[in-house]
Amino acid sequence: MTREPLAALCARLYGTLTDEQPTMADDYTDLVLETVTDALYPHEVGAYPELLAAFVEAERIDLATVIAEYGPASSFRHVAWGDHPYQLVHSPAIVAVCERLSNVPMRFQALWDEQWESNAALEDLEGLWP
């Protein structure tokens, strides 16, 4: 699965969890989704849309709660995204990041550490995600 269809899927799934529009820039979301796609095992790639949709359905309450409390409609909405402690929650990629953290946490964390200068955004999210 390439990032463009994954970005569209994440946006659609994010929209089922909140009426708020994500406020994170598309280029940031694309970079996050690059890490997500790199964390997919070969046998997951073709089935990932169904896997992600099933994850969102199963974790609907927790995802919606995290987005409501820390996302675009939260008290953090006016904070500049570069300084935002929960910036991943403002991106539709949050659904895929939480899925990877739930299903392949060590693999995802290792790839994040390799691909990102800072792991603060991921660590902030890990503190929120059950």
Protein backbone atom coordinates (compact mmCIF):
# COMPACT_ATOMS: atom_id res chain seq x y z
CA MET A 1 0.00 0.00 0.00
CA THR A 2 1.43 3.34 -1.01
CA ARG A 3 1.13 6.48 1.08
CA GLU A 4 -1.43 8.26 -1.11
CA PRO A 5 -4.19 5.63 -0.76
CA LEU A 6 -3.21 5.20 2.90
CA ALA A 7 -3.50 8.96 3.48
CA ALA A 8 -6.98 8.95 1.94
CA LEU A 9 -8.01 5.95 4.04
CA CYS A 10 -6.67 7.53 7.23
CA ALA A 11 -8.53 10.77 6.46
CA ARG A 12 -11.77 8.86 5.92
CA LEU A 13 -11.34 6.83 9.12
CA TYR A 14 -10.35 9.93 11.11
CA GLY A 15 -13.57 11.55 9.90
CA THR A 16 -15.59 8.70 11.43
CA LEU A 17 -14.10 9.52 14.83
CA THR A 18 -14.61 13.28 14.97
CA ASP A 19 -16.38 16.11 13.20
CA GLU A 20 -13.24 18.24 13.54
CA GLN A 21 -10.87 18.63 10.63
CA PRO A 22 -7.26 17.59 11.20
CA THR A 23 -4.94 20.57 11.49
CA MET A 24 -1.63 18.91 10.75
CA ALA A 25 0.05 19.76 7.46
CA ASP A 26 -0.21 17.15 4.73
CA ASP A 27 3.56 16.94 4.34
CA TYR A 28 3.93 15.98 8.01
CA THR A 29 1.20 13.35 7.62
CA ASP A 30 2.98 11.97 4.56
CA LEU A 31 6.23 11.62 6.50
CA VAL A 32 4.44 9.85 9.34
CA LEU A 33 2.75 7.50 6.89
CA GLU A 34 6.11 6.71 5.34
CA THR A 35 7.16 5.30 8.71
CA VAL A 36 3.85 3.44 9.00
CA THR A 37 4.24 1.82 5.57
CA ASP A 38 7.84 0.89 6.34
CA ALA A 39 6.55 -0.88 9.46
CA LEU A 40 4.20 -3.10 7.46
CA TYR A 41 5.27 -6.68 7.00
CA PRO A 42 5.04 -7.94 3.41
CA HIS A 43 2.05 -10.14 4.23
CA GLU A 44 0.17 -7.11 5.68
CA VAL A 45 0.54 -4.76 2.72
CA GLY A 46 -2.37 -5.98 0.58
CA ALA A 47 -4.71 -6.45 3.52
CA TYR A 48 -3.78 -3.28 5.39
CA PRO A 49 -6.89 -1.26 4.46
CA GLU A 50 -9.10 -3.96 5.98
CA LEU A 51 -6.77 -4.43 8.95
CA LEU A 52 -6.75 -0.69 9.67
CA ALA A 53 -10.53 -0.35 9.29
CA ALA A 54 -11.05 -3.28 11.67
CA PHE A 55 -8.62 -1.73 14.16
CA VAL A 56 -10.46 1.60 14.07
CA GLU A 57 -13.78 -0.16 14.61
CA ALA A 58 -12.43 -2.19 17.54
CA GLU A 59 -10.68 0.83 19.12
CA ARG A 60 -13.28 3.43 18.18
CA ILE A 61 -13.95 4.66 21.72
CA ASP A 62 -10.28 5.02 22.68
CA LEU A 63 -9.34 6.70 19.38
CA ALA A 64 -12.28 9.12 19.56
CA THR A 65 -11.42 9.95 23.17
CA VAL A 66 -7.76 10.69 22.38
CA ILE A 67 -8.76 12.88 19.42
CA ALA A 68 -11.42 14.72 21.45
CA GLU A 69 -9.12 15.35 24.41
CA TYR A 70 -5.90 16.16 22.54
CA GLY A 71 -6.84 16.83 18.92
CA PRO A 72 -8.04 19.81 16.88
CA ALA A 73 -11.06 20.60 19.12
CA SER A 74 -9.12 20.30 22.37
CA SER A 75 -7.61 23.03 24.50
CA PHE A 76 -4.35 22.40 22.60
CA ARG A 77 -5.82 23.56 19.28
CA HIS A 78 -4.20 27.01 19.38
CA VAL A 79 -0.69 25.77 20.06
CA ALA A 80 1.71 26.02 17.13
CA TRP A 81 2.14 22.51 15.73
CA GLY A 82 5.92 22.53 16.04
CA ASP A 83 5.61 23.01 19.78
CA HIS A 84 2.46 20.96 20.19
CA PRO A 85 2.95 18.14 22.68
CA TYR A 86 0.34 15.98 20.95
CA GLN A 87 0.96 16.88 17.32
CA LEU A 88 0.31 13.36 16.00
CA VAL A 89 -3.28 13.56 17.25
CA HIS A 90 -3.84 16.47 14.84
CA SER A 91 -3.05 14.27 11.85
CA PRO A 92 -5.30 11.65 10.26
CA ALA A 93 -2.24 9.40 10.43
CA ILE A 94 -3.03 8.97 14.14
CA VAL A 95 -5.23 5.98 13.32
CA ALA A 96 -2.40 4.13 11.55
CA VAL A 97 0.19 5.14 14.15
CA CYS A 98 -1.99 3.78 16.97
CA GLU A 99 -2.58 0.60 14.99
CA ARG A 100 1.16 0.06 14.53
CA LEU A 101 1.83 0.89 18.20
CA SER A 102 -0.77 -1.68 19.21
CA ASN A 103 0.21 -4.46 16.82
CA VAL A 104 3.96 -4.09 16.20
CA PRO A 105 5.20 -1.65 18.85
CA MET A 106 8.87 -2.61 18.89
CA ARG A 107 9.16 -2.65 15.09
CA PHE A 108 7.37 0.68 14.77
CA GLN A 109 9.36 2.35 17.53
CA ALA A 110 12.65 1.14 16.04
CA LEU A 111 11.73 2.50 12.59
CA TRP A 112 10.58 5.79 14.11
CA ASP A 113 13.90 6.14 15.92
CA GLU A 114 15.77 5.51 12.65
CA GLN A 115 13.68 7.89 10.54
CA TRP A 116 12.98 10.81 12.86
CA GLU A 117 15.41 13.20 14.55
CA SER A 118 13.23 13.32 17.62
CA ASN A 119 10.96 10.73 19.09
CA ALA A 120 9.12 13.25 21.30
CA ALA A 121 5.91 13.16 19.22
CA LEU A 122 5.76 9.39 19.40
CA GLU A 123 6.58 9.35 23.11
CA ASP A 124 3.80 11.89 23.75
CA LEU A 125 1.34 9.68 21.90
CA GLU A 126 2.48 6.56 23.71
CA GLY A 127 1.61 8.33 26.95
CA LEU A 128 -1.96 8.80 25.73
CA TRP A 129 -2.59 5.53 23.95
CA PRO A 130 -3.95 2.73 26.17
